[in-house]
Amino acid sequence: MKKNEISILGAGLIGSLLSIYLKKRGLDVTIYEKRADNRKTFYKEEGRSINMALSDRGWKALEKIGLKEKVMPLAIPMYGRKVHDEHGNTTFIPYGKDNQAIYSISRGNFNRILIDEAEKVGVKLEFSHKCEDVNLQKSSIKFLNGESKQEVESEVIIGSDGAYSSLRMAMQKQVRFNYLQEYISHGYKELTIPATANGEFAMDPNALHIWPRGKFMLIALPNPDKSFTCTLFLPFEGTKVCFDKINDKKDIEGVFRTYFDDAFQLMPNLVNEFQNNPTSALINIECYPWVQNKALLIGDASHAMVPFYGQGMNCGFEDVFILDSLIDKLGTNVWDLVFAKFQKIRKPDTDAICQLALENFVEMRDSVADPKFMLRKKIEAKLHDLYPKDWIPLYTMVTFSNMPYSEALAQGKLQEKIMDRIMSNPLITQNWDKLDYEDIIDQLDAAKAV
C-alpha cells in the first residue's frame, strides 16, 4: 500500500491552491482528482463554464504565494452592476468607491493555471482517480482508476472535493456529525453573448450585467475573448416562468423576447445553447465537525453556498489562507490541533456568508430594480464617504475587506435596521440629501453599545 504524507481529494480551485501552499512548506503532497486532466482535453476556452468573481479575499490568498501577477491578465474588472429593465434601459450601481472592482475570470482557465503551478512546485497529480471510500480510523483511501483499484494510506487527508464530497460522506457515517443540505427552488443554465461581428464586446465589459425580474433573473459576466458568460436563474417549477414550462424554440424565444429582449438581440446561439446546456441545481450545505482524526473538510466540502454573493471561491481561498497561517504558527507536527483551531475560527464565518448569499439572491433578482433600493445605496455611499470608519456598506465589508464574515453580518444587520427606519419616511425621496448624517452615526454607535 502506498503511503502519503498529505492526500488532497479534488483538483479544483481550492484543492489546487491548497496543494501549492502546503508544497511550498516542504511537505509531500498528492492530489487525487476523479476527472481526467482538463489541460489535455480541448473545449472552448471561455463562455462554457461558470465565471468566478475574484475579490479582495481571493486576491490576498493568491498574492501570498506570488500568483497574483500570473492570474491578473485573465481577469476583467467589473466596477458595479448594470441593471437592465424590461425596456432595455440601464442603470449603473457602483460596487464601492471609484477604483473598487470585482474581477470576472473563467473557472476553467483559472483552474489550469493553478494546476500548472502545483505541478511546477512538485505536487504529485493523480487524475482519473475516483474516491470509492475513506477509512477514517486507518486513515486510508480507496480509489478506482479505470479498471484498477488502489488503496492509499495517508498521514493527513484533506477533502476539497466540493459539495458532493467523498470525504464528507465518510464522515457522515460517524456518530455526532451534523449535516444540513438545502436545494433552493431555482436552478441555473449557462448561455453566451458572443463578441460582435467586428470582434468587440456587445455591452459594457466593466460591469456585471443583471436583468432582475422579481422571481427570476439573468446575469452576464465578461470574458477576455470579448464574449459574455450569461447565467439564467429560474424556478424549476410552479410559476408562470420556470424551466418546466420552457419546452421548445417558441417557448425559449417567447420568454427572452418578453423579459430579456435587449439580451435576446445579442444571443444568436440562444436556442441551441438552451436546449443543449444542462439545467443545474443550487445547493447550500452546512456541516460540523469538519475534522475527524487527521482528516479535514475545506471549501465547498464543508460549506457549499449559493452563488449570489460571489464569495464561494473567495471564501474557499480565505480558508486556505487562514489554514496556512495556523500551520505557520503551530507547525506541521500537530495537525489535530491545527485542524481543531481552524474549524473553531472558521465555522461562524462560513455560516454567516452562506446566510448572506441566500439573502442576496432576493436583492439581486428583485430589489435592484426598485428606485428606492438605488436611493438607499446612494445614502449608504454618502455615509461611507463622510464616516468611512464608522459606516461601511455590507457589500464593501464582504467584498472589499478581510473583516470576518460573521462581523460583517452583525454590523450589516445593525445598519439595515437604521436604514429601514430612514427609508420608511414617506418624504425620503425628496429629502434624502437633507438627512442628519451625524445623527445616523450616533444611532449606529448606540446600537453597537447595546
Protein backbone atom coordinates (compact mmCIF):
# COMPACT_ATOMS: atom_id res chain seq x y z
CA MET A 1 0.00 0.00 0.00
CA LYS A 2 1.26 3.42 -0.96
CA LYS A 3 1.90 5.87 1.90
CA ASN A 4 1.48 9.63 1.50
CA GLU A 5 2.21 12.47 3.85
CA ILE A 6 -0.73 14.59 2.64
CA SER A 7 -3.50 13.48 0.29
CA ILE A 8 -5.85 16.11 -1.11
CA LEU A 9 -9.12 14.99 -2.69
CA GLY A 10 -10.15 17.27 -5.56
CA ALA A 11 -8.03 19.29 -8.00
CA GLY A 12 -10.48 22.17 -8.30
CA LEU A 13 -9.62 25.76 -7.44
CA ILE A 14 -9.39 25.25 -3.66
CA GLY A 15 -7.54 21.91 -3.75
CA SER A 16 -5.00 23.16 -6.29
CA LEU A 17 -4.31 26.36 -4.34
CA LEU A 18 -4.01 24.47 -1.05
CA SER A 19 -1.56 21.98 -2.57
CA ILE A 20 0.73 24.86 -3.65
CA TYR A 21 0.66 26.36 -0.15
CA LEU A 22 1.48 23.01 1.51
CA LYS A 23 4.17 22.04 -1.02
CA LYS A 24 5.89 25.40 -0.51
CA ARG A 25 6.16 24.42 3.16
CA GLY A 26 8.26 21.42 2.09
CA LEU A 27 5.50 18.85 2.59
CA ASP A 28 4.91 15.79 0.42
CA VAL A 29 1.56 16.48 -1.30
CA THR A 30 -0.52 14.36 -3.69
CA ILE A 31 -3.81 15.49 -5.26
CA TYR A 32 -6.36 12.91 -6.41
CA GLU A 33 -8.96 14.07 -8.93
CA LYS A 34 -11.80 11.90 -10.28
CA ARG A 35 -11.89 13.70 -13.64
CA ALA A 36 -9.31 13.46 -16.41
CA ASP A 37 -6.67 16.19 -16.71
CA ASN A 38 -8.61 19.09 -18.28
CA ARG A 39 -5.39 20.59 -19.61
CA LYS A 40 -5.19 17.75 -22.14
CA THR A 41 -8.76 17.85 -23.44
CA PHE A 42 -9.92 20.59 -25.78
CA TYR A 43 -13.00 22.61 -25.03
CA LYS A 44 -13.99 26.20 -25.73
CA GLU A 45 -11.86 28.39 -23.50
CA GLU A 46 -14.45 30.96 -22.48
CA GLY A 47 -18.19 31.16 -22.08
CA ARG A 48 -18.61 27.48 -21.29
CA SER A 49 -18.08 27.39 -17.55
CA ILE A 50 -19.48 29.47 -14.72
CA ASN A 51 -17.43 32.63 -14.37
CA MET A 52 -15.99 33.42 -10.98
CA ALA A 53 -15.90 36.87 -9.36
CA LEU A 54 -12.50 37.33 -7.73
CA SER A 55 -12.48 39.91 -4.93
CA ASP A 56 -10.14 41.03 -2.13
CA ARG A 57 -10.12 37.80 -0.09
CA GLY A 58 -9.25 35.73 -3.15
CA TRP A 59 -6.54 38.13 -4.36
CA LYS A 60 -4.97 38.14 -0.88
CA ALA A 61 -4.58 34.35 -0.94
CA LEU A 62 -3.08 34.44 -4.46
CA GLU A 63 -0.72 37.28 -3.58
CA LYS A 64 0.72 35.43 -0.58
CA ILE A 65 2.17 32.74 -2.88
CA GLY A 66 3.11 35.08 -5.71
CA LEU A 67 0.34 34.16 -8.16
CA LYS A 68 -1.48 37.48 -8.42
CA GLU A 69 0.54 38.72 -11.42
CA LYS A 70 0.04 35.43 -13.26
CA VAL A 71 -3.75 35.48 -12.79
CA MET A 72 -4.40 39.20 -13.37
CA PRO A 73 -4.20 39.07 -17.23
CA LEU A 74 -7.14 36.63 -17.26
CA ALA A 75 -9.34 38.82 -15.06
CA ILE A 76 -11.65 41.66 -16.18
CA PRO A 77 -12.60 44.33 -13.61
CA MET A 78 -16.31 44.96 -13.01
CA TYR A 79 -16.90 48.22 -11.13
CA GLY A 80 -20.61 47.74 -10.46
CA ARG A 81 -23.91 46.25 -11.51
CA LYS A 82 -25.51 47.41 -14.75
CA VAL A 83 -29.23 46.84 -14.25
CA HIS A 84 -31.34 46.27 -17.40
CA ASP A 85 -35.07 46.98 -17.20
CA GLU A 86 -37.70 45.35 -19.43
CA HIS A 87 -37.49 48.20 -21.93
CA GLY A 88 -33.71 47.89 -22.39
CA ASN A 89 -32.83 50.94 -20.27
CA THR A 90 -29.82 50.52 -17.98
CA THR A 91 -28.81 51.93 -14.60
CA PHE A 92 -25.29 51.61 -13.18
CA ILE A 93 -24.90 50.87 -9.44
CA PRO A 94 -21.23 51.02 -8.35
CA TYR A 95 -19.97 48.26 -6.04
CA GLY A 96 -17.87 50.61 -3.97
CA LYS A 97 -15.60 53.61 -4.48
CA ASP A 98 -14.36 54.56 -7.97
CA ASN A 99 -11.38 52.19 -8.04
CA GLN A 100 -13.08 49.19 -6.37
CA ALA A 101 -13.95 46.25 -8.59
CA ILE A 102 -14.63 42.55 -8.56
CA TYR A 103 -12.95 40.57 -11.35
CA SER A 104 -14.60 38.20 -13.83
CA ILE A 105 -12.50 35.12 -14.57
CA SER A 106 -13.22 31.81 -16.33
CA ARG A 107 -13.20 28.87 -13.93
CA GLY A 108 -11.57 26.54 -16.47
CA ASN A 109 -8.64 28.79 -17.36
CA PHE A 110 -8.09 29.74 -13.72
CA ASN A 111 -8.06 26.09 -12.66
CA ARG A 112 -5.49 25.23 -15.33
CA ILE A 113 -3.14 27.98 -14.08
CA LEU A 114 -3.35 26.63 -10.52
CA ILE A 115 -2.83 23.01 -11.59
CA ASP A 116 0.18 24.03 -13.73
CA GLU A 117 1.65 25.89 -10.76
CA ALA A 118 1.02 22.93 -8.43
CA GLU A 119 2.84 20.62 -10.87
CA LYS A 120 5.67 23.15 -11.23
CA VAL A 121 6.34 23.30 -7.46
CA GLY A 122 6.35 19.49 -7.20
CA VAL A 123 2.84 18.46 -6.18
CA LYS A 124 2.03 14.93 -7.40
CA LEU A 125 -1.13 14.88 -9.53
CA GLU A 126 -3.25 11.75 -9.94
CA PHE A 127 -6.13 12.28 -12.38
CA SER A 128 -8.95 9.82 -13.16
CA HIS A 129 -8.82 8.58 -9.57
CA LYS A 130 -12.35 8.23 -8.22
CA CYS A 131 -12.54 8.04 -4.44
CA GLU A 132 -14.59 4.95 -3.54
CA ASP A 133 -14.21 5.04 0.24
CA VAL A 134 -12.30 6.69 3.07
CA ASN A 135 -11.46 4.72 6.22
CA LEU A 136 -11.06 7.42 8.86
CA GLN A 137 -9.75 5.02 11.52
CA LYS A 138 -7.00 3.64 9.30
CA SER A 139 -6.51 6.97 7.51
CA SER A 140 -6.71 5.21 4.16
CA ILE A 141 -8.46 5.95 0.86
CA LYS A 142 -9.67 3.52 -1.81
CA PHE A 143 -9.58 4.72 -5.42
CA LEU A 144 -10.87 3.38 -8.70
CA ASN A 145 -8.57 4.26 -11.60
CA GLY A 146 -10.12 2.93 -14.80
CA GLU A 147 -10.44 -0.81 -14.16
CA SER A 148 -7.82 -0.96 -11.39
CA LYS A 149 -8.34 -0.39 -7.68
CA GLN A 150 -5.80 1.25 -5.43
CA GLU A 151 -5.57 1.87 -1.68
CA VAL A 152 -3.50 4.68 -0.19
CA GLU A 153 -2.60 5.38 3.42
CA SER A 154 -2.03 9.00 4.34
CA GLU A 155 -0.91 10.83 7.44
CA VAL A 156 -3.29 13.69 6.55
CA ILE A 157 -6.37 13.63 4.28
CA ILE A 158 -7.95 16.89 3.14
CA GLY A 159 -11.28 16.90 1.30
CA SER A 160 -11.54 19.82 -1.11
CA ASP A 161 -13.78 17.73 -3.33
CA GLY A 162 -16.77 20.05 -3.48
CA ALA A 163 -20.41 19.98 -2.46
CA TYR A 164 -20.71 16.22 -3.03
CA SER A 165 -17.51 15.39 -1.13
CA SER A 166 -16.48 11.74 -0.72
CA LEU A 167 -14.62 12.56 2.49
CA ARG A 168 -17.70 14.23 3.95
CA MET A 169 -19.77 11.16 3.02
CA ALA A 170 -17.36 9.05 5.07
CA MET A 171 -17.60 11.49 7.99
CA GLN A 172 -21.41 11.33 7.84
CA LYS A 173 -21.20 7.65 8.80
CA GLN A 174 -19.59 8.63 12.11
CA VAL A 175 -21.58 9.48 15.23
CA ARG A 176 -22.48 13.06 16.13
CA PHE A 177 -21.93 14.55 12.70
CA ASN A 178 -24.32 17.40 11.92
CA TYR A 179 -25.29 17.91 8.30
CA LEU A 180 -27.71 20.30 6.61
CA GLN A 181 -28.34 20.23 2.86
CA GLU A 182 -30.82 22.54 1.17
CA TYR A 183 -31.62 22.91 -2.52
CA ILE A 184 -33.24 26.23 -3.35
CA SER A 185 -36.28 26.34 -5.64
CA HIS A 186 -34.26 27.83 -8.52
CA GLY A 187 -31.83 26.25 -10.96
CA TYR A 188 -29.49 27.80 -13.49
CA LYS A 189 -28.43 27.43 -17.11
CA GLU A 190 -25.32 28.80 -18.80
CA LEU A 191 -25.72 30.84 -22.02
CA THR A 192 -23.48 33.13 -24.09
CA ILE A 193 -23.46 36.59 -25.62
CA PRO A 194 -20.69 36.34 -28.25
CA ALA A 195 -18.40 39.14 -29.41
CA THR A 196 -19.84 41.40 -32.10
CA ALA A 197 -19.11 40.83 -35.81
CA ASN A 198 -16.16 43.24 -35.59
CA GLY A 199 -14.77 41.42 -32.54
CA GLU A 200 -15.83 43.83 -29.79
CA PHE A 201 -17.83 43.47 -26.58
CA ALA A 202 -21.57 43.71 -27.23
CA MET A 203 -22.08 45.56 -23.89
CA ASP A 204 -20.02 47.44 -21.32
CA PRO A 205 -17.30 44.92 -20.27
CA ASN A 206 -16.56 46.59 -16.93
CA ALA A 207 -19.84 45.76 -15.23
CA LEU A 208 -21.77 42.74 -14.05
CA HIS A 209 -24.96 42.92 -16.13
CA ILE A 210 -28.18 41.93 -14.44
CA TRP A 211 -31.77 41.60 -15.67
CA PRO A 212 -33.81 41.38 -12.41
CA ARG A 213 -37.37 40.20 -12.93
CA GLY A 214 -38.77 39.58 -9.44
CA LYS A 215 -38.81 35.79 -9.17
CA PHE A 216 -36.06 35.17 -11.72
CA MET A 217 -33.11 36.88 -13.38
CA LEU A 218 -30.36 36.77 -15.99
CA ILE A 219 -26.78 37.88 -15.34
CA ALA A 220 -23.77 38.29 -17.67
CA LEU A 221 -20.02 38.48 -16.91
CA PRO A 222 -17.32 39.49 -19.44
CA ASN A 223 -14.59 37.24 -20.86
CA PRO A 224 -11.18 38.14 -22.39
CA ASP A 225 -12.34 36.87 -25.81
CA LYS A 226 -14.95 39.71 -25.78
CA SER A 227 -17.88 37.36 -25.12
CA PHE A 228 -20.09 37.31 -22.01
CA THR A 229 -20.93 34.24 -19.98
CA CYS A 230 -24.61 34.51 -19.04
CA THR A 231 -26.42 32.63 -16.31
CA LEU A 232 -30.20 32.31 -16.29
CA PHE A 233 -31.71 31.68 -12.84
CA LEU A 234 -35.29 30.37 -12.96
CA PRO A 235 -37.54 28.35 -10.63
CA PHE A 236 -37.65 24.70 -11.65
CA GLU A 237 -41.44 24.59 -11.44
CA GLY A 238 -44.64 26.10 -10.13
CA THR A 239 -44.60 29.63 -11.61
CA LYS A 240 -45.53 31.22 -14.91
CA VAL A 241 -41.87 31.41 -15.97
CA CYS A 242 -39.95 28.27 -14.95
CA PHE A 243 -37.75 25.61 -16.52
CA ASP A 244 -40.60 23.07 -16.56
CA LYS A 245 -42.68 25.30 -18.84
CA ILE A 246 -39.96 26.02 -21.43
CA ASN A 247 -40.06 23.08 -23.81
CA ASP A 248 -39.27 24.23 -27.35
CA LYS A 249 -37.85 27.01 -29.52
CA LYS A 250 -41.08 29.01 -29.34
CA ASP A 251 -41.10 28.92 -25.50
CA ILE A 252 -37.42 29.91 -25.27
CA GLU A 253 -37.75 32.83 -27.66
CA GLY A 254 -41.04 33.89 -26.07
CA VAL A 255 -39.53 34.15 -22.57
CA PHE A 256 -36.45 36.01 -23.78
CA ARG A 257 -38.34 38.41 -26.06
CA THR A 258 -40.75 39.22 -23.22
CA TYR A 259 -38.35 39.59 -20.30
CA PHE A 260 -34.81 39.99 -21.67
CA ASP A 261 -35.31 41.43 -25.15
CA ASP A 262 -32.12 43.54 -25.28
CA ALA A 263 -30.10 40.44 -24.30
CA PHE A 264 -32.06 38.27 -26.76
CA GLN A 265 -30.97 40.53 -29.63
CA LEU A 266 -27.32 39.73 -28.77
CA MET A 267 -27.72 35.92 -28.43
CA PRO A 268 -27.65 34.25 -31.87
CA ASN A 269 -27.00 30.81 -30.33
CA LEU A 270 -29.64 31.07 -27.61
CA VAL A 271 -31.97 28.25 -28.67
CA ASN A 272 -29.17 25.78 -29.32
CA GLU A 273 -27.42 26.57 -26.02
CA PHE A 274 -30.65 26.49 -24.03
CA GLN A 275 -31.57 23.08 -25.41
CA ASN A 276 -28.10 21.54 -25.06
CA ASN A 277 -26.61 23.06 -21.90
CA PRO A 278 -27.64 21.32 -18.67
CA THR A 279 -30.02 22.82 -16.13
CA SER A 280 -28.20 22.65 -12.80
CA ALA A 281 -29.38 22.83 -9.20
CA LEU A 282 -28.22 25.26 -6.50
CA ILE A 283 -27.32 23.87 -3.09
CA ASN A 284 -26.45 25.20 0.35
CA ILE A 285 -24.51 22.85 2.66
CA GLU A 286 -23.52 23.26 6.29
CA CYS A 287 -21.91 20.57 8.42
CA TYR A 288 -19.91 20.07 11.61
CA PRO A 289 -17.38 18.93 12.69
CA TRP A 290 -15.05 19.39 9.73
CA VAL A 291 -12.37 17.25 11.37
CA GLN A 292 -12.11 13.52 12.12
CA ASN A 293 -8.71 12.30 13.33
CA LYS A 294 -6.29 13.86 10.81
CA ALA A 295 -8.86 14.36 8.07
CA LEU A 296 -10.23 17.84 7.26
CA LEU A 297 -13.00 19.24 5.05
CA ILE A 298 -12.34 22.57 3.36
CA GLY A 299 -14.09 24.84 0.83
CA ASP A 300 -17.41 23.64 -0.62
CA ALA A 301 -16.94 20.23 1.01
CA SER A 302 -17.64 21.89 4.38
CA HIS A 303 -19.70 24.95 3.39
CA ALA A 304 -21.16 24.98 -0.14
CA MET A 305 -23.15 28.15 -0.77
CA VAL A 306 -25.39 29.54 -3.49
CA PRO A 307 -23.51 31.90 -5.84
CA PHE A 308 -25.37 35.16 -5.17
CA TYR A 309 -22.66 36.97 -3.22
CA GLY A 310 -19.82 35.87 -5.49
CA GLN A 311 -17.96 34.61 -2.42
CA GLY A 312 -17.83 30.80 -2.80
CA MET A 313 -14.35 30.72 -4.31
CA ASN A 314 -13.13 33.75 -2.34
CA CYS A 315 -14.29 32.12 0.89
CA GLY A 316 -12.53 28.86 -0.05
CA PHE A 317 -9.33 30.76 -0.83
CA GLU A 318 -9.61 32.52 2.52
CA ASP A 319 -9.97 29.05 4.14
CA VAL A 320 -6.60 28.16 2.61
CA PHE A 321 -5.00 31.44 3.74
CA ILE A 322 -6.22 31.00 7.34
CA LEU A 323 -5.22 27.32 7.47
CA ASP A 324 -1.74 28.23 6.25
CA SER A 325 -1.47 30.98 8.88
CA LEU A 326 -2.28 28.42 11.59
CA ILE A 327 0.34 26.00 10.21
CA ASP A 328 2.82 28.88 10.27
CA LYS A 329 2.04 29.47 13.94
CA LEU A 330 1.70 25.87 15.19
CA GLY A 331 3.84 23.81 12.80
CA THR A 332 3.17 20.56 10.93
CA ASN A 333 3.64 18.15 13.83
CA VAL A 334 0.28 18.94 15.45
CA TRP A 335 -2.26 18.53 12.64
CA ASP A 336 -5.07 17.68 15.06
CA LEU A 337 -4.51 20.98 16.89
CA VAL A 338 -4.20 22.96 13.63
CA PHE A 339 -7.43 21.47 12.28
CA ALA A 340 -9.33 21.92 15.55
CA LYS A 341 -8.37 25.61 15.72
CA PHE A 342 -9.17 26.07 12.03
CA GLN A 343 -12.74 24.82 12.30
CA LYS A 344 -13.35 26.77 15.52
CA ILE A 345 -12.17 30.04 13.92
CA ARG A 346 -13.80 29.48 10.55
CA LYS A 347 -17.23 27.93 11.19
CA PRO A 348 -19.02 31.12 12.40
CA ASP A 349 -17.75 32.98 9.34
CA THR A 350 -18.76 30.36 6.79
CA ASP A 351 -22.23 30.12 8.37
CA ALA A 352 -22.50 33.92 8.03
CA ILE A 353 -21.53 34.05 4.33
CA CYS A 354 -23.86 31.14 3.49
CA GLN A 355 -26.70 33.15 5.07
CA LEU A 356 -25.69 36.33 3.24
CA ALA A 357 -25.52 34.50 -0.11
CA LEU A 358 -29.09 33.26 0.29
CA GLU A 359 -30.31 36.74 1.29
CA ASN A 360 -28.51 38.43 -1.61
CA PHE A 361 -30.49 36.36 -4.13
CA VAL A 362 -33.63 38.31 -3.20
CA GLU A 363 -31.72 41.60 -3.58
CA MET A 364 -30.33 40.69 -7.00
CA ARG A 365 -33.48 39.34 -8.62
CA ASP A 366 -35.90 41.85 -7.10
CA SER A 367 -34.63 44.84 -5.08
CA VAL A 368 -32.08 46.21 -7.56
CA ALA A 369 -34.91 47.13 -9.92
CA ASP A 370 -36.54 49.31 -7.24
CA PRO A 371 -35.69 53.07 -7.39
CA LYS A 372 -35.85 53.17 -3.58
CA PHE A 373 -33.13 50.50 -3.43
CA MET A 374 -30.87 52.71 -5.55
CA LEU A 375 -31.61 55.68 -3.28
CA ARG A 376 -30.78 53.52 -0.26
CA LYS A 377 -27.42 52.65 -1.81
CA LYS A 378 -26.79 56.35 -2.51
CA ILE A 379 -27.45 57.27 1.15
CA GLU A 380 -25.17 54.48 2.37
CA ALA A 381 -22.43 55.58 -0.04
CA LYS A 382 -22.66 59.14 1.31
CA LEU A 383 -22.49 57.86 4.90
CA HIS A 384 -19.40 55.86 3.97
CA ASP A 385 -17.80 58.93 2.35
CA LEU A 386 -18.48 61.11 5.40
CA TYR A 387 -17.67 58.47 8.05
CA PRO A 388 -15.51 55.83 6.30
CA LYS A 389 -14.54 54.01 9.52
CA ASP A 390 -17.97 54.09 11.15
CA TRP A 391 -20.41 53.25 8.35
CA ILE A 392 -19.20 50.61 5.90
CA PRO A 393 -21.80 49.20 3.47
CA LEU A 394 -22.32 45.47 3.92
CA TYR A 395 -21.19 44.71 0.35
CA THR A 396 -17.94 46.61 0.99
CA MET A 397 -17.28 44.71 4.23
CA VAL A 398 -17.81 41.37 2.49
CA THR A 399 -16.15 42.09 -0.85
CA PHE A 400 -13.51 44.79 -0.35
CA SER A 401 -12.17 43.92 3.11
CA ASN A 402 -10.89 40.97 5.08
CA MET A 403 -13.26 41.58 8.00
CA PRO A 404 -14.56 38.23 9.32
CA TYR A 405 -17.86 37.42 7.59
CA SER A 406 -19.62 37.00 10.96
CA GLU A 407 -18.63 40.54 11.99
CA ALA A 408 -19.76 41.91 8.62
CA LEU A 409 -23.11 40.15 9.02
CA ALA A 410 -23.62 41.51 12.57
CA GLN A 411 -22.72 45.09 11.62
CA GLY A 412 -24.75 44.81 8.43
CA LYS A 413 -27.86 43.85 10.42
CA LEU A 414 -27.48 46.89 12.71
CA GLN A 415 -27.09 49.20 9.70
CA GLU A 416 -30.03 47.55 7.94
CA LYS A 417 -32.38 48.36 10.86
CA ILE A 418 -31.30 52.01 10.82
CA MET A 419 -31.69 52.23 7.02
CA ASP A 420 -35.14 50.61 7.20
CA ARG A 421 -36.23 53.40 9.56
CA ILE A 422 -34.76 56.08 7.29
CA MET A 423 -36.36 54.63 4.14
CA SER A 424 -39.78 54.35 5.85
CA ASN A 425 -40.04 58.16 5.81
CA PRO A 426 -42.67 58.91 3.10
CA LEU A 427 -40.73 62.02 2.02
CA ILE A 428 -37.32 60.34 1.82
CA THR A 429 -37.12 60.66 -1.99
CA GLN A 430 -37.38 64.45 -1.79
CA ASN A 431 -35.42 64.96 1.45
CA TRP A 432 -32.64 62.38 1.36
CA ASP A 433 -29.87 64.97 0.87
CA LYS A 434 -31.08 66.88 3.96
CA LEU A 435 -30.61 63.95 6.35
CA ASP A 436 -28.71 64.48 9.60
CA TYR A 437 -25.85 62.09 8.84
CA GLU A 438 -24.14 62.69 12.19
CA ASP A 439 -27.32 61.61 13.97
CA ILE A 440 -27.39 58.40 11.89
CA ILE A 441 -23.84 57.57 13.04
CA ASP A 442 -24.88 58.29 16.65
CA GLN A 443 -27.74 55.81 16.20
CA LEU A 444 -25.30 53.18 14.92
CA ASP A 445 -22.92 53.76 17.87
CA ALA A 446 -25.85 53.41 20.28
CA ALA A 447 -26.96 50.17 18.58
CA LYS A 448 -23.42 48.73 18.83
CA ALA A 449 -23.27 49.60 22.53
CA VAL A 450 -26.40 47.59 23.36
